Amino acid sequence: GHGDLGGAEILTGVRDYILDVAARVKAAAGGKDEEAVIAELAPAIRAAYPDWHFPEWIDFAIRYHMARG
C-alpha cells in the first residue's frame, strides 16, 4: 500500500502540508536558486512534520513548488 489506513484526517493533513510547503516556498524564493531555498526550508519543514513518512520527499516538494513559481 501507500500508507496507513485512515479517514479524512489523513487527507486534511496532506492538504495542509502541501499548502504549508507552497506558502513557505513562495515566501522564501525571492530570486534565490532552488538549492538555497531547499537548504533554508527543508530543515524547518522536517521539524514541523517529524512523523512524516519518507521525509526525503520534502526536497522534491520544495522543487515542485519552485518550478510552479
N, C-alpha and C. Protein backbone atom coordinates (compact mmCIF):
# COMPACT_ATOMS: atom_id res chain seq x y z
N GLY A 1 0.81 -1.18 0.00
CA GLY A 1 0.00 0.00 0.00
C GLY A 1 0.86 1.25 0.00
N HIS A 2 0.18 2.35 0.09
CA HIS A 2 0.83 3.66 0.05
C HIS A 2 0.67 4.43 1.35
N GLY A 3 0.49 3.72 2.44
CA GLY A 3 0.38 4.42 3.71
C GLY A 3 -0.64 3.75 4.62
N ASP A 4 -0.81 4.38 5.76
CA ASP A 4 -1.73 3.85 6.75
C ASP A 4 -3.17 4.05 6.32
N LEU A 5 -4.02 3.15 6.80
CA LEU A 5 -5.45 3.33 6.61
C LEU A 5 -5.94 4.40 7.55
N GLY A 6 -6.94 5.13 7.13
CA GLY A 6 -7.47 6.17 7.99
C GLY A 6 -8.60 6.89 7.31
N GLY A 7 -9.01 7.96 7.92
CA GLY A 7 -10.13 8.72 7.41
C GLY A 7 -9.71 10.05 6.82
N ALA A 8 -10.65 10.96 6.88
CA ALA A 8 -10.45 12.29 6.28
C ALA A 8 -9.29 13.05 6.90
N GLU A 9 -8.92 12.70 8.13
CA GLU A 9 -7.82 13.40 8.78
C GLU A 9 -6.50 13.23 8.02
N ILE A 10 -6.34 12.12 7.32
CA ILE A 10 -5.14 11.92 6.52
C ILE A 10 -5.14 12.89 5.34
N LEU A 11 -6.27 13.00 4.67
CA LEU A 11 -6.38 13.93 3.54
C LEU A 11 -6.19 15.37 3.99
N THR A 12 -6.77 15.72 5.13
CA THR A 12 -6.62 17.07 5.66
C THR A 12 -5.16 17.35 5.99
N GLY A 13 -4.49 16.39 6.60
CA GLY A 13 -3.07 16.56 6.94
C GLY A 13 -2.20 16.76 5.71
N VAL A 14 -2.45 15.97 4.67
CA VAL A 14 -1.67 16.09 3.44
C VAL A 14 -1.96 17.42 2.75
N ARG A 15 -3.24 17.80 2.70
CA ARG A 15 -3.60 19.09 2.10
C ARG A 15 -2.91 20.23 2.83
N ASP A 16 -2.96 20.20 4.16
CA ASP A 16 -2.33 21.26 4.96
C ASP A 16 -0.82 21.31 4.73
N TYR A 17 -0.20 20.15 4.61
CA TYR A 17 1.24 20.06 4.34
C TYR A 17 1.56 20.70 2.98
N ILE A 18 0.80 20.35 1.95
CA ILE A 18 1.04 20.89 0.62
C ILE A 18 0.89 22.41 0.61
N LEU A 19 -0.16 22.90 1.25
CA LEU A 19 -0.37 24.35 1.32
C LEU A 19 0.73 25.04 2.11
N ASP A 20 1.19 24.40 3.18
CA ASP A 20 2.27 24.95 4.00
C ASP A 20 3.57 25.05 3.20
N VAL A 21 3.94 23.96 2.51
CA VAL A 21 5.16 23.98 1.71
C VAL A 21 5.07 25.05 0.63
N ALA A 22 3.92 25.12 -0.05
CA ALA A 22 3.74 26.11 -1.11
C ALA A 22 3.92 27.53 -0.57
N ALA A 23 3.32 27.82 0.58
CA ALA A 23 3.43 29.15 1.17
C ALA A 23 4.87 29.46 1.59
N ARG A 24 5.54 28.48 2.17
CA ARG A 24 6.93 28.70 2.60
C ARG A 24 7.84 28.97 1.40
N VAL A 25 7.64 28.19 0.32
CA VAL A 25 8.46 28.38 -0.88
C VAL A 25 8.19 29.75 -1.48
N LYS A 26 6.94 30.13 -1.57
CA LYS A 26 6.60 31.43 -2.14
C LYS A 26 7.25 32.56 -1.34
N ALA A 27 7.23 32.45 -0.02
CA ALA A 27 7.80 33.48 0.84
C ALA A 27 9.33 33.51 0.76
N ALA A 28 9.94 32.35 0.57
CA ALA A 28 11.41 32.26 0.63
C ALA A 28 12.08 32.45 -0.72
N ALA A 29 11.38 32.16 -1.81
CA ALA A 29 12.02 32.10 -3.13
C ALA A 29 12.71 33.41 -3.49
N GLY A 30 11.99 34.47 -3.68
CA GLY A 30 12.54 35.79 -3.93
C GLY A 30 13.80 35.85 -4.76
N GLY A 31 13.87 35.11 -5.85
CA GLY A 31 15.04 35.14 -6.73
C GLY A 31 16.17 34.21 -6.33
N LYS A 32 16.00 33.49 -5.22
CA LYS A 32 17.04 32.54 -4.79
C LYS A 32 16.99 31.31 -5.69
N ASP A 33 18.12 30.63 -5.80
CA ASP A 33 18.11 29.39 -6.57
C ASP A 33 17.52 28.25 -5.74
N GLU A 34 17.17 27.21 -6.43
CA GLU A 34 16.48 26.07 -5.84
C GLU A 34 17.23 25.47 -4.65
N GLU A 35 18.52 25.28 -4.80
CA GLU A 35 19.31 24.66 -3.73
C GLU A 35 19.35 25.53 -2.48
N ALA A 36 19.40 26.83 -2.65
CA ALA A 36 19.41 27.74 -1.50
C ALA A 36 18.08 27.67 -0.75
N VAL A 37 16.98 27.59 -1.49
CA VAL A 37 15.67 27.51 -0.86
C VAL A 37 15.52 26.17 -0.14
N ILE A 38 16.00 25.10 -0.74
CA ILE A 38 15.95 23.78 -0.08
C ILE A 38 16.76 23.81 1.20
N ALA A 39 17.96 24.36 1.15
CA ALA A 39 18.82 24.43 2.34
C ALA A 39 18.16 25.24 3.44
N GLU A 40 17.44 26.28 3.07
CA GLU A 40 16.78 27.13 4.05
C GLU A 40 15.52 26.48 4.63
N LEU A 41 14.71 25.88 3.77
CA LEU A 41 13.39 25.41 4.20
C LEU A 41 13.32 23.97 4.67
N ALA A 42 14.08 23.09 4.07
CA ALA A 42 13.93 21.66 4.36
C ALA A 42 14.07 21.32 5.85
N PRO A 43 15.07 21.86 6.56
CA PRO A 43 15.16 21.53 7.99
C PRO A 43 13.93 21.99 8.79
N ALA A 44 13.42 23.17 8.48
CA ALA A 44 12.26 23.68 9.20
C ALA A 44 11.00 22.86 8.90
N ILE A 45 10.86 22.46 7.64
CA ILE A 45 9.69 21.65 7.27
C ILE A 45 9.79 20.27 7.92
N ARG A 46 10.98 19.69 7.91
CA ARG A 46 11.15 18.38 8.57
C ARG A 46 10.83 18.49 10.07
N ALA A 47 11.22 19.60 10.68
CA ALA A 47 10.93 19.80 12.11
C ALA A 47 9.44 19.99 12.35
N ALA A 48 8.75 20.61 11.41
CA ALA A 48 7.31 20.83 11.55
C ALA A 48 6.51 19.55 11.35
N TYR A 49 7.09 18.58 10.64
CA TYR A 49 6.41 17.32 10.34
C TYR A 49 7.31 16.14 10.73
N PRO A 50 7.62 16.01 12.02
CA PRO A 50 8.59 15.00 12.44
C PRO A 50 8.13 13.56 12.23
N ASP A 51 6.85 13.33 12.14
CA ASP A 51 6.34 11.97 11.95
C ASP A 51 6.01 11.67 10.49
N TRP A 52 6.37 12.57 9.60
CA TRP A 52 6.04 12.42 8.19
C TRP A 52 6.79 11.23 7.63
N HIS A 53 6.08 10.34 6.94
CA HIS A 53 6.73 9.21 6.29
C HIS A 53 7.54 9.72 5.10
N PHE A 54 8.71 9.16 4.90
CA PHE A 54 9.57 9.50 3.78
C PHE A 54 9.91 10.99 3.72
N PRO A 55 10.56 11.52 4.75
CA PRO A 55 10.89 12.95 4.77
C PRO A 55 11.80 13.38 3.62
N GLU A 56 12.46 12.41 2.96
CA GLU A 56 13.31 12.77 1.82
C GLU A 56 12.49 13.37 0.66
N TRP A 57 11.19 13.17 0.68
CA TRP A 57 10.33 13.74 -0.36
C TRP A 57 10.09 15.23 -0.14
N ILE A 58 10.47 15.75 1.00
CA ILE A 58 10.29 17.18 1.26
C ILE A 58 11.10 18.01 0.26
N ASP A 59 12.32 17.60 -0.03
CA ASP A 59 13.13 18.33 -1.02
C ASP A 59 12.43 18.35 -2.38
N PHE A 60 11.83 17.22 -2.76
CA PHE A 60 11.11 17.16 -4.04
C PHE A 60 9.90 18.10 -4.02
N ALA A 61 9.22 18.18 -2.89
CA ALA A 61 8.07 19.08 -2.78
C ALA A 61 8.51 20.54 -2.93
N ILE A 62 9.63 20.89 -2.35
CA ILE A 62 10.15 22.25 -2.49
C ILE A 62 10.49 22.52 -3.95
N ARG A 63 11.16 21.57 -4.60
CA ARG A 63 11.49 21.73 -6.03
C ARG A 63 10.23 21.91 -6.88
N TYR A 64 9.22 21.12 -6.59
CA TYR A 64 7.97 21.21 -7.33
C TYR A 64 7.38 22.62 -7.22
N HIS A 65 7.32 23.14 -6.01
CA HIS A 65 6.74 24.46 -5.82
C HIS A 65 7.63 25.57 -6.37
N MET A 66 8.94 25.35 -6.40
CA MET A 66 9.84 26.31 -7.04
C MET A 66 9.56 26.37 -8.54
N ALA A 67 9.34 25.21 -9.15
CA ALA A 67 9.08 25.14 -10.59
C ALA A 67 7.76 25.78 -10.96
N ARG A 68 6.80 25.73 -10.04
CA ARG A 68 5.48 26.30 -10.30
C ARG A 68 5.49 27.82 -10.19
N GLY A 69 6.53 28.33 -9.50
CA GLY A 69 6.66 29.78 -9.37
C GLY A 69 5.74 30.32 -8.42
